[in-house]
Amino acid sequence: MPSLLALERRRQRLTQEAIDHFDFLIGSISTKGFQYPAYNLTAKTEGKTRTRHIPKDLLPLVKRLTGRYRKLKSILKKLDEVNWQLLLQRGKQENHGAL
């Protein structure tokens, strides 16, 4: 298991990486239901599926922002694991009187 200092540094790096991805959109892009090129952003909100029209000129930006959300979810999973390892390390130290 990595040292407490290494875990703290990793946590700090992941936290900053998460902050860097805070400009995001939740949802997926689809063209479902149209006979011509048009795009929607679809996401669940309070248990209901919501669809928003994406203007064609904003499609590249929306793709980037939805990609940031996927990356943010991945970062948060890694951060969760680091936080768990930190909890275990700190628990070991407390049980042995180091803190």
N, C-alpha and C. Protein backbone atom coordinates (compact mmCIF):
# COMPACT_ATOMS: atom_id res chain seq x y z
N MET A 1 0.85 -1.18 0.00
CA MET A 1 0.00 0.00 0.00
C MET A 1 0.90 1.25 0.00
N PRO A 2 0.54 2.26 -0.79
CA PRO A 2 1.35 3.48 -0.84
C PRO A 2 1.39 4.18 0.53
N SER A 3 2.40 5.00 0.71
CA SER A 3 2.55 5.72 1.96
C SER A 3 1.47 6.80 2.09
N LEU A 4 1.29 7.27 3.31
CA LEU A 4 0.30 8.31 3.58
C LEU A 4 0.62 9.56 2.77
N LEU A 5 1.88 9.94 2.69
CA LEU A 5 2.29 11.13 1.93
C LEU A 5 1.99 10.96 0.44
N ALA A 6 2.27 9.79 -0.10
CA ALA A 6 2.00 9.53 -1.52
C ALA A 6 0.49 9.59 -1.79
N LEU A 7 -0.30 9.05 -0.88
CA LEU A 7 -1.75 9.10 -1.04
C LEU A 7 -2.28 10.52 -0.96
N GLU A 8 -1.75 11.31 -0.04
CA GLU A 8 -2.16 12.72 0.09
C GLU A 8 -1.83 13.49 -1.19
N ARG A 9 -0.66 13.24 -1.75
CA ARG A 9 -0.27 13.91 -3.00
C ARG A 9 -1.18 13.50 -4.15
N ARG A 10 -1.49 12.21 -4.22
CA ARG A 10 -2.38 11.73 -5.29
C ARG A 10 -3.77 12.34 -5.13
N ARG A 11 -4.23 12.41 -3.90
CA ARG A 11 -5.54 13.02 -3.62
C ARG A 11 -5.56 14.47 -4.05
N GLN A 12 -4.49 15.19 -3.74
CA GLN A 12 -4.39 16.60 -4.13
C GLN A 12 -4.42 16.74 -5.65
N ARG A 13 -3.68 15.88 -6.35
CA ARG A 13 -3.63 15.94 -7.82
C ARG A 13 -4.99 15.63 -8.43
N LEU A 14 -5.65 14.59 -7.91
CA LEU A 14 -6.97 14.22 -8.43
C LEU A 14 -8.01 15.30 -8.13
N THR A 15 -7.92 15.93 -6.96
CA THR A 15 -8.84 17.01 -6.61
C THR A 15 -8.70 18.16 -7.60
N GLN A 16 -7.46 18.53 -7.91
CA GLN A 16 -7.24 19.62 -8.87
C GLN A 16 -7.73 19.22 -10.26
N GLU A 17 -7.50 17.98 -10.63
CA GLU A 17 -7.96 17.49 -11.93
C GLU A 17 -9.49 17.54 -12.01
N ALA A 18 -10.17 17.21 -10.92
CA ALA A 18 -11.63 17.28 -10.89
C ALA A 18 -12.09 18.72 -11.04
N ILE A 19 -11.45 19.63 -10.32
CA ILE A 19 -11.81 21.05 -10.42
C ILE A 19 -11.64 21.55 -11.85
N ASP A 20 -10.60 21.08 -12.53
CA ASP A 20 -10.35 21.49 -13.91
C ASP A 20 -11.44 21.02 -14.87
N HIS A 21 -12.27 20.06 -14.45
CA HIS A 21 -13.32 19.52 -15.31
C HIS A 21 -14.72 19.95 -14.88
N PHE A 22 -14.83 21.00 -14.07
CA PHE A 22 -16.13 21.42 -13.57
C PHE A 22 -17.02 22.09 -14.61
N ASP A 23 -16.48 22.50 -15.76
CA ASP A 23 -17.36 23.02 -16.81
C ASP A 23 -17.74 21.83 -17.69
N PHE A 24 -18.92 21.27 -17.40
CA PHE A 24 -19.36 20.04 -18.05
C PHE A 24 -20.86 20.10 -18.30
N LEU A 25 -21.32 19.18 -19.11
CA LEU A 25 -22.75 18.94 -19.32
C LEU A 25 -23.01 17.46 -19.13
N ILE A 26 -24.11 17.14 -18.46
CA ILE A 26 -24.50 15.75 -18.26
C ILE A 26 -25.46 15.37 -19.39
N GLY A 27 -25.20 14.24 -19.99
CA GLY A 27 -26.12 13.74 -21.00
C GLY A 27 -25.40 13.12 -22.17
N SER A 28 -26.21 12.66 -23.12
CA SER A 28 -25.65 12.09 -24.33
C SER A 28 -26.26 12.79 -25.53
N ILE A 29 -25.50 12.82 -26.59
CA ILE A 29 -25.93 13.50 -27.82
C ILE A 29 -26.59 12.47 -28.72
N SER A 30 -27.72 12.86 -29.27
CA SER A 30 -28.42 11.94 -30.18
C SER A 30 -29.03 12.71 -31.34
N THR A 31 -29.40 11.97 -32.38
CA THR A 31 -30.10 12.55 -33.53
C THR A 31 -31.45 11.86 -33.71
N LYS A 32 -31.85 11.09 -32.75
CA LYS A 32 -33.07 10.27 -32.82
C LYS A 32 -34.31 11.12 -33.14
N GLY A 33 -35.08 10.63 -34.09
CA GLY A 33 -36.37 11.24 -34.36
C GLY A 33 -36.38 12.34 -35.39
N PHE A 34 -35.27 12.61 -36.04
CA PHE A 34 -35.24 13.69 -37.02
C PHE A 34 -34.99 13.16 -38.42
N GLN A 35 -35.61 13.79 -39.40
CA GLN A 35 -35.42 13.42 -40.80
C GLN A 35 -34.30 14.24 -41.44
N TYR A 36 -33.74 15.16 -40.70
CA TYR A 36 -32.67 16.03 -41.16
C TYR A 36 -31.63 16.13 -40.05
N PRO A 37 -30.40 16.58 -40.36
CA PRO A 37 -29.37 16.65 -39.32
C PRO A 37 -29.74 17.64 -38.21
N ALA A 38 -30.02 17.11 -37.04
CA ALA A 38 -30.32 17.90 -35.85
C ALA A 38 -29.86 17.09 -34.65
N TYR A 39 -29.53 17.77 -33.57
CA TYR A 39 -28.94 17.09 -32.41
C TYR A 39 -29.65 17.47 -31.13
N ASN A 40 -29.71 16.51 -30.22
CA ASN A 40 -30.30 16.70 -28.90
C ASN A 40 -29.33 16.26 -27.83
N LEU A 41 -29.45 16.88 -26.67
CA LEU A 41 -28.74 16.45 -25.48
C LEU A 41 -29.79 15.84 -24.57
N THR A 42 -29.62 14.57 -24.24
CA THR A 42 -30.61 13.86 -23.44
C THR A 42 -29.98 13.44 -22.12
N ALA A 43 -30.71 13.70 -21.01
CA ALA A 43 -30.22 13.33 -19.68
C ALA A 43 -31.40 13.11 -18.75
N LYS A 44 -31.18 12.32 -17.71
CA LYS A 44 -32.19 12.11 -16.68
C LYS A 44 -32.10 13.23 -15.65
N THR A 45 -33.24 13.82 -15.33
CA THR A 45 -33.31 14.86 -14.30
C THR A 45 -34.49 14.52 -13.40
N GLU A 46 -34.21 14.29 -12.13
CA GLU A 46 -35.23 13.94 -11.15
C GLU A 46 -36.09 12.77 -11.64
N GLY A 47 -35.43 11.77 -12.22
CA GLY A 47 -36.11 10.56 -12.65
C GLY A 47 -36.81 10.66 -14.00
N LYS A 48 -36.75 11.81 -14.64
CA LYS A 48 -37.39 11.99 -15.94
C LYS A 48 -36.34 12.30 -16.99
N THR A 49 -36.55 11.78 -18.19
CA THR A 49 -35.64 12.06 -19.29
C THR A 49 -35.97 13.43 -19.86
N ARG A 50 -34.95 14.26 -19.94
CA ARG A 50 -35.10 15.61 -20.50
C ARG A 50 -34.26 15.70 -21.76
N THR A 51 -34.82 16.36 -22.76
CA THR A 51 -34.12 16.53 -24.02
C THR A 51 -34.01 18.01 -24.34
N ARG A 52 -32.82 18.41 -24.73
CA ARG A 52 -32.57 19.81 -25.12
C ARG A 52 -32.03 19.82 -26.54
N HIS A 53 -32.52 20.76 -27.31
CA HIS A 53 -32.02 20.91 -28.69
C HIS A 53 -30.62 21.53 -28.64
N ILE A 54 -29.71 21.00 -29.45
CA ILE A 54 -28.36 21.55 -29.56
C ILE A 54 -28.25 22.27 -30.90
N PRO A 55 -28.04 23.58 -30.88
CA PRO A 55 -27.80 24.28 -32.15
C PRO A 55 -26.58 23.68 -32.84
N LYS A 56 -26.66 23.53 -34.14
CA LYS A 56 -25.63 22.85 -34.92
C LYS A 56 -24.24 23.45 -34.67
N ASP A 57 -24.15 24.77 -34.57
CA ASP A 57 -22.85 25.40 -34.37
C ASP A 57 -22.26 25.16 -32.98
N LEU A 58 -23.08 24.72 -32.03
CA LEU A 58 -22.60 24.44 -30.67
C LEU A 58 -22.27 22.96 -30.45
N LEU A 59 -22.50 22.13 -31.45
CA LEU A 59 -22.27 20.69 -31.30
C LEU A 59 -20.85 20.35 -30.85
N PRO A 60 -19.78 20.94 -31.45
CA PRO A 60 -18.43 20.60 -30.97
C PRO A 60 -18.22 20.94 -29.49
N LEU A 61 -18.75 22.08 -29.05
CA LEU A 61 -18.61 22.47 -27.64
C LEU A 61 -19.38 21.52 -26.74
N VAL A 62 -20.60 21.16 -27.11
CA VAL A 62 -21.40 20.23 -26.31
C VAL A 62 -20.70 18.87 -26.22
N LYS A 63 -20.12 18.42 -27.33
CA LYS A 63 -19.37 17.15 -27.30
C LYS A 63 -18.22 17.23 -26.31
N ARG A 64 -17.51 18.34 -26.31
CA ARG A 64 -16.38 18.51 -25.39
C ARG A 64 -16.86 18.53 -23.94
N LEU A 65 -17.96 19.23 -23.68
CA LEU A 65 -18.47 19.34 -22.30
C LEU A 65 -19.05 18.03 -21.79
N THR A 66 -19.69 17.24 -22.65
CA THR A 66 -20.18 15.93 -22.20
C THR A 66 -19.00 14.97 -21.98
N GLY A 67 -17.95 15.14 -22.78
CA GLY A 67 -16.73 14.35 -22.57
C GLY A 67 -16.08 14.69 -21.24
N ARG A 68 -16.12 15.96 -20.86
CA ARG A 68 -15.58 16.37 -19.56
C ARG A 68 -16.34 15.71 -18.41
N TYR A 69 -17.65 15.54 -18.58
CA TYR A 69 -18.44 14.88 -17.54
C TYR A 69 -18.01 13.42 -17.39
N ARG A 70 -17.81 12.74 -18.52
CA ARG A 70 -17.35 11.34 -18.44
C ARG A 70 -15.98 11.27 -17.76
N LYS A 71 -15.09 12.20 -18.08
CA LYS A 71 -13.77 12.23 -17.45
C LYS A 71 -13.90 12.53 -15.96
N LEU A 72 -14.79 13.46 -15.60
CA LEU A 72 -14.99 13.81 -14.19
C LEU A 72 -15.48 12.61 -13.40
N LYS A 73 -16.39 11.81 -13.96
CA LYS A 73 -16.85 10.61 -13.28
C LYS A 73 -15.70 9.65 -13.03
N SER A 74 -14.82 9.51 -14.01
CA SER A 74 -13.65 8.63 -13.87
C SER A 74 -12.72 9.15 -12.77
N ILE A 75 -12.50 10.44 -12.74
CA ILE A 75 -11.64 11.06 -11.72
C ILE A 75 -12.23 10.83 -10.33
N LEU A 76 -13.54 11.02 -10.20
CA LEU A 76 -14.19 10.84 -8.90
C LEU A 76 -14.09 9.41 -8.40
N LYS A 77 -14.14 8.43 -9.30
CA LYS A 77 -13.96 7.03 -8.89
C LYS A 77 -12.55 6.81 -8.36
N LYS A 78 -11.56 7.40 -9.03
CA LYS A 78 -10.18 7.27 -8.56
C LYS A 78 -10.00 7.97 -7.22
N LEU A 79 -10.62 9.13 -7.08
CA LEU A 79 -10.53 9.89 -5.83
C LEU A 79 -11.19 9.12 -4.70
N ASP A 80 -12.29 8.45 -4.97
CA ASP A 80 -12.94 7.62 -3.97
C ASP A 80 -11.99 6.53 -3.47
N GLU A 81 -11.28 5.89 -4.39
CA GLU A 81 -10.35 4.82 -4.00
C GLU A 81 -9.20 5.38 -3.15
N VAL A 82 -8.67 6.53 -3.54
CA VAL A 82 -7.59 7.15 -2.75
C VAL A 82 -8.10 7.53 -1.36
N ASN A 83 -9.31 8.10 -1.29
CA ASN A 83 -9.88 8.45 0.01
C ASN A 83 -10.06 7.22 0.89
N TRP A 84 -10.45 6.10 0.29
CA TRP A 84 -10.60 4.86 1.05
C TRP A 84 -9.25 4.40 1.59
N GLN A 85 -8.22 4.44 0.74
CA GLN A 85 -6.89 4.03 1.18
C GLN A 85 -6.37 4.95 2.28
N LEU A 86 -6.65 6.25 2.16
CA LEU A 86 -6.25 7.19 3.21
C LEU A 86 -6.96 6.86 4.53
N LEU A 87 -8.23 6.55 4.44
CA LEU A 87 -8.99 6.19 5.64
C LEU A 87 -8.38 4.97 6.32
N LEU A 88 -8.03 3.96 5.53
CA LEU A 88 -7.42 2.76 6.09
C LEU A 88 -6.06 3.07 6.72
N GLN A 89 -5.24 3.86 6.04
CA GLN A 89 -3.92 4.23 6.56
C GLN A 89 -4.05 5.00 7.88
N ARG A 90 -4.95 5.97 7.91
CA ARG A 90 -5.12 6.77 9.12
C ARG A 90 -5.66 5.92 10.26
N GLY A 91 -6.55 4.98 9.92
CA GLY A 91 -7.08 4.07 10.93
C GLY A 91 -5.99 3.22 11.54
N LYS A 92 -5.06 2.75 10.71
CA LYS A 92 -3.94 1.94 11.20
C LYS A 92 -3.07 2.77 12.14
N GLN A 93 -2.81 4.02 11.76
CA GLN A 93 -1.96 4.87 12.59
C GLN A 93 -2.62 5.18 13.92
N GLU A 94 -3.92 5.43 13.91
CA GLU A 94 -4.63 5.73 15.15
C GLU A 94 -4.63 4.52 16.07
N ASN A 95 -4.79 3.34 15.51
CA ASN A 95 -4.80 2.12 16.32
C ASN A 95 -3.45 1.84 16.94
N HIS A 96 -2.38 2.35 16.31
CA HIS A 96 -1.04 2.12 16.84
C HIS A 96 -0.47 3.35 17.55
N GLY A 97 -1.31 4.38 17.75
CA GLY A 97 -0.91 5.53 18.51
C GLY A 97 -0.01 6.53 17.77
N ALA A 98 0.10 6.44 16.46
CA ALA A 98 0.97 7.35 15.73
C ALA A 98 0.39 8.75 15.62
N LEU A 99 -0.93 8.89 15.63
CA LEU A 99 -1.53 10.22 15.55
C LEU A 99 -2.01 10.57 16.92
